[in-house]
C-alpha atoms as a PDB file:
ATOM      1  CA  MET A   1      12.280 -28.030 -17.424  1.00  0.00           C
ATOM      2  CA  LYS A   2      11.236 -24.910 -15.502  1.00  0.00           C
ATOM      3  CA  PHE A   3       8.914 -22.443 -17.240  1.00  0.00           C
ATOM      4  CA  ASP A   4       9.534 -18.866 -16.067  1.00  0.00           C
ATOM      5  CA  GLU A   5       8.067 -16.969 -19.007  1.00  0.00           C
ATOM      6  CA  GLY A   6       5.869 -14.123 -17.818  1.00  0.00           C
ATOM      7  CA  LYS A   7       7.059 -14.404 -14.214  1.00  0.00           C
ATOM      8  CA  PRO A   8       8.852 -11.513 -12.513  1.00  0.00           C
ATOM      9  CA  ASN A   9      12.606 -11.808 -12.234  1.00  0.00           C
ATOM     10  CA  PRO A  10      13.599 -10.095  -8.953  1.00  0.00           C
ATOM     11  CA  SER A  11      17.278 -10.467  -9.805  1.00  0.00           C
ATOM     12  CA  LEU A  12      16.776  -7.597 -12.262  1.00  0.00           C
ATOM     13  CA  PHE A  13      16.434  -5.234  -9.281  1.00  0.00           C
ATOM     14  CA  TYR A  14      19.908  -4.241  -8.125  1.00  0.00           C
ATOM     15  CA  THR A  15      20.572  -5.484  -4.606  1.00  0.00           C
ATOM     16  CA  SER A  16      22.218  -2.197  -3.639  1.00  0.00           C
ATOM     17  CA  ALA A  17      19.087  -0.227  -4.589  1.00  0.00           C
ATOM     18  CA  LEU A  18      16.904  -2.700  -2.720  1.00  0.00           C
ATOM     19  CA  TYR A  19      19.021  -2.509   0.450  1.00  0.00           C
ATOM     20  CA  GLU A  20      19.280   1.285   0.372  1.00  0.00           C
ATOM     21  CA  THR A  21      15.509   1.545  -0.017  1.00  0.00           C
ATOM     22  CA  VAL A  22      14.965  -0.917   2.838  1.00  0.00           C
ATOM     23  CA  PHE A  23      17.289   1.166   5.032  1.00  0.00           C
ATOM     24  CA  VAL A  24      15.248   4.287   4.231  1.00  0.00           C
ATOM     25  CA  ARG A  25      12.028   2.401   4.921  1.00  0.00           C
ATOM     26  CA  ALA A  26      13.343   1.222   8.309  1.00  0.00           C
ATOM     27  CA  TYR A  27      14.440   4.772   9.118  1.00  0.00           C
ATOM     28  CA  GLY A  28      10.957   6.066   8.248  1.00  0.00           C
ATOM     29  CA  ILE A  29       9.233   3.432  10.367  1.00  0.00           C
ATOM     30  CA  LYS A  30      11.435   4.315  13.330  1.00  0.00           C
ATOM     31  CA  LYS A  31      10.922   8.049  12.798  1.00  0.00           C
ATOM     32  CA  HIS A  32       7.157   7.917  12.266  1.00  0.00           C
ATOM     33  CA  GLY A  33       6.399   4.891  14.447  1.00  0.00           C
ATOM     34  CA  SER A  34       4.206   2.972  12.036  1.00  0.00           C
ATOM     35  CA  ILE A  35       4.716   0.437   9.264  1.00  0.00           C
ATOM     36  CA  GLU A  36       1.513   1.459   7.483  1.00  0.00           C
ATOM     37  CA  GLY A  37       1.613   5.154   8.389  1.00  0.00           C
ATOM     38  CA  TRP A  38       2.457   6.072   4.800  1.00  0.00           C
ATOM     39  CA  LYS A  39      -1.176   5.316   3.922  1.00  0.00           C
ATOM     40  CA  THR A  40      -2.290   8.431   5.818  1.00  0.00           C
ATOM     41  CA  THR A  41      -0.081  10.634   3.654  1.00  0.00           C
ATOM     42  CA  LYS A  42      -1.656  12.137   0.539  1.00  0.00           C
ATOM     43  CA  PRO A  43      -0.185  10.922  -2.760  1.00  0.00           C
ATOM     44  CA  ILE A  44       0.823  14.470  -3.742  1.00  0.00           C
ATOM     45  CA  GLU A  45       2.955  14.662  -0.588  1.00  0.00           C
ATOM     46  CA  HIS A  46       4.854  11.531  -1.623  1.00  0.00           C
ATOM     47  CA  PHE A  47       5.297  12.892  -5.148  1.00  0.00           C
ATOM     48  CA  ASP A  48       6.532  16.242  -3.809  1.00  0.00           C
ATOM     49  CA  ALA A  49       8.992  14.488  -1.475  1.00  0.00           C
ATOM     50  CA  ALA A  50      10.265  12.243  -4.281  1.00  0.00           C
ATOM     51  CA  ILE A  51      10.828  15.275  -6.510  1.00  0.00           C
ATOM     52  CA  ARG A  52      12.636  17.140  -3.694  1.00  0.00           C
ATOM     53  CA  HIS A  53      14.961  14.163  -3.193  1.00  0.00           C
ATOM     54  CA  ILE A  54      15.622  13.826  -6.926  1.00  0.00           C
ATOM     55  CA  ARG A  55      16.184  17.580  -7.184  1.00  0.00           C
ATOM     56  CA  ALA A  56      18.761  17.376  -4.370  1.00  0.00           C
ATOM     57  CA  VAL A  57      20.712  14.749  -6.340  1.00  0.00           C
ATOM     58  CA  ILE A  58      20.544  16.886  -9.474  1.00  0.00           C
ATOM     59  CA  ASP A  59      21.947  19.737  -7.385  1.00  0.00           C
ATOM     60  CA  GLY A  60      24.876  17.542  -6.318  1.00  0.00           C
ATOM     61  CA  GLU A  61      23.755  16.247  -2.906  1.00  0.00           C
ATOM     62  CA  ASP A  62      23.727  12.436  -2.733  1.00  0.00           C
ATOM     63  CA  PHE A  63      22.807  11.976   0.926  1.00  0.00           C
ATOM     64  CA  ASP A  64      19.867  13.369   2.885  1.00  0.00           C
ATOM     65  CA  LYS A  65      21.182  15.516   5.753  1.00  0.00           C
ATOM     66  CA  GLU A  66      18.513  14.411   8.243  1.00  0.00           C
ATOM     67  CA  SER A  67      18.668  10.635   7.710  1.00  0.00           C
ATOM     68  CA  GLY A  68      22.136  10.203   6.244  1.00  0.00           C
ATOM     69  CA  LYS A  69      20.535   7.927   3.623  1.00  0.00           C
ATOM     70  CA  LEU A  70      20.674   8.301  -0.136  1.00  0.00           C
ATOM     71  CA  HIS A  71      18.240  10.840  -1.586  1.00  0.00           C
ATOM     72  CA  LEU A  72      17.457   8.451  -4.434  1.00  0.00           C
ATOM     73  CA  ALA A  73      16.515   5.710  -1.960  1.00  0.00           C
ATOM     74  CA  HIS A  74      14.117   8.178  -0.341  1.00  0.00           C
ATOM     75  CA  ALA A  75      12.646   8.928  -3.783  1.00  0.00           C
ATOM     76  CA  ILE A  76      12.271   5.203  -4.520  1.00  0.00           C
ATOM     77  CA  CYS A  77      10.516   4.740  -1.177  1.00  0.00           C
ATOM     78  CA  CYS A  78       8.048   7.543  -1.941  1.00  0.00           C
ATOM     79  CA  CYS A  79       7.318   6.049  -5.358  1.00  0.00           C
ATOM     80  CA  MET A  80       7.032   2.565  -3.841  1.00  0.00           C
ATOM     81  CA  PHE A  81       4.264   3.797  -1.537  1.00  0.00           C
ATOM     82  CA  GLU A  82       2.271   5.164  -4.448  1.00  0.00           C
ATOM     83  CA  ILE A  83       2.811   2.026  -6.517  1.00  0.00           C
ATOM     84  CA  GLN A  84       1.454   0.024  -3.580  1.00  0.00           C
ATOM     85  CA  ARG A  85      -1.506   2.395  -3.212  1.00  0.00           C
ATOM     86  CA  ILE A  86      -2.362   1.989  -6.907  1.00  0.00           C
ATOM     87  CA  LYS A  87      -2.012  -1.790  -6.761  1.00  0.00           C
ATOM     88  CA  GLU A  88      -4.167  -2.034  -3.622  1.00  0.00           C
ATOM     89  CA  SER A  89      -6.874   0.207  -5.057  1.00  0.00           C
ATOM     90  CA  LYS A  90      -7.033  -1.651  -8.360  1.00  0.00           C
ATOM     91  CA  GLU A  91      -6.552  -5.213  -7.210  1.00  0.00           C
ATOM     92  CA  GLU A  92      -8.440  -7.456  -9.514  1.00  0.00           C
ATOM     93  CA  GLU A  93     -11.023  -9.619  -7.864  1.00  0.00           C
ATOM     94  CA  PRO A  94     -11.651 -13.090  -9.204  1.00  0.00           C
ATOM     95  CA  THR A  95     -14.159 -12.847 -12.032  1.00  0.00           C
ATOM     96  CA  ASP A  96     -16.147 -15.839 -10.841  1.00  0.00           C
ATOM     97  CA  LYS A  97     -17.267 -14.071  -7.655  1.00  0.00           C
ATOM     98  CA  PRO A  98     -20.935 -13.048  -7.596  1.00  0.00           C
ATOM     99  CA  ILE A  99     -21.682  -9.340  -7.272  1.00  0.00           C
ATOM    100  CA  CYS A 100     -24.309  -7.314  -5.439  1.00  0.00           C
ATOM    101  CA  ILE A 101     -27.192  -6.367  -7.706  1.00  0.00           C
ATOM    102  CA  LYS A 102     -27.486  -3.020  -5.965  1.00  0.00           C
ATOM    103  CA  CYS A 103     -23.944  -1.677  -6.162  1.00  0.00           C
ATOM    104  CA  LYS A 104     -22.031  -4.269  -8.237  1.00  0.00           C
ATOM    105  CA  LYS A 105     -19.414  -4.961  -5.539  1.00  0.00           C
ATOM    106  CA  ASN A 106     -18.284  -8.439  -4.495  1.00  0.00           C
ATOM    107  CA  LEU A 107     -20.698 -10.240  -2.221  1.00  0.00           C
ATOM    108  CA  VAL A 108     -20.501 -11.433   1.321  1.00  0.00           C
ATOM    109  CA  TYR A 109     -23.177 -13.946   2.236  1.00  0.00           C
ATOM    110  CA  VAL A 110     -24.961 -13.283   5.498  1.00  0.00           C
ATOM    111  CA  LYS A 111     -28.077 -15.210   6.594  1.00  0.00           C
ATOM    112  CA  SER A 112     -29.109 -16.013   3.038  1.00  0.00           C
ATOM    113  CA  SER A 113     -28.801 -12.385   1.900  1.00  0.00           C
ATOM    114  CA  SER A 114     -26.531 -11.604  -1.000  1.00  0.00           C
ATOM    115  CA  LEU A 115     -25.098  -8.278   0.049  1.00  0.00           C
ATOM    116  CA  CYS A 116     -21.740  -6.765  -0.690  1.00  0.00           C
ATOM    117  CA  TRP A 117     -19.774  -5.751   2.370  1.00  0.00           C
ATOM    118  CA  SER A 118     -20.744  -2.077   2.040  1.00  0.00           C
ATOM    119  CA  CYS A 119     -24.479  -2.812   1.746  1.00  0.00           C
ATOM    120  CA  PHE A 120     -24.217  -5.255   4.626  1.00  0.00           C
ATOM    121  CA  THR A 121     -22.490  -2.721   6.918  1.00  0.00           C
ATOM    122  CA  ASP A 122     -25.021  -0.033   5.906  1.00  0.00           C
ATOM    123  CA  VAL A 123     -27.815  -2.334   7.043  1.00  0.00           C
ATOM    124  CA  ILE A 124     -25.998  -3.227  10.256  1.00  0.00           C
ATOM    125  CA  ASN A 125     -25.304   0.434  10.975  1.00  0.00           C
ATOM    126  CA  LYS A 126     -28.977   1.180  10.199  1.00  0.00           C
ATOM    127  CA  LYS A 127     -28.133   3.578   7.403  1.00  0.00           C
ATOM    128  CA  GLU A 128     -30.837   1.729   5.498  1.00  0.00           C
ATOM    129  CA  LYS A 129     -34.020   0.635   7.228  1.00  0.00           C
ATOM    130  CA  GLU A 130     -34.112  -2.746   5.553  1.00  0.00           C
ATOM    131  CA  ILE A 131     -32.205  -4.898   3.129  1.00  0.00           C
ATOM    132  CA  PRO A 132     -32.900  -3.660  -0.418  1.00  0.00           C
ATOM    133  CA  ASN A 133     -35.222  -6.019  -2.302  1.00  0.00           C
ATOM    134  CA  ASP A 134     -32.784  -6.459  -5.135  1.00  0.00           C
ATOM    135  CA  CYS A 135     -30.109  -7.714  -2.689  1.00  0.00           C
ATOM    136  CA  LYS A 136     -32.320 -10.341  -1.055  1.00  0.00           C
ATOM    137  CA  SER A 137     -31.927 -13.975  -2.001  1.00  0.00           C
END
């Protein structure tokens, strides 16, 4: 017996909506030249664009004149970017990872020092003259 309780069920997402959104995403990558370029756009710009696309549909225009793609697929794409941004910024780290005493971030171990990545790079970049005592092993 297969136990799927609590697992996502991708079949709940309509294939047509998925494909239309993928087409818009491909159009955007070709237009802007970067798969991850959306990350340089401010969230408010994605929200404004999503609202403009939704507003166009409310006003009776199904297809974007520039791309020829569905306005709602453009809106989904804009929202998808911000969902991804939220998920990336709030990714849960495993709770069993040790943390830096100084800043409480996850540790990276370098030459017996227990520094988080930020403290480590500060030391390397000589932003701090020496490793803080509370971060030394």
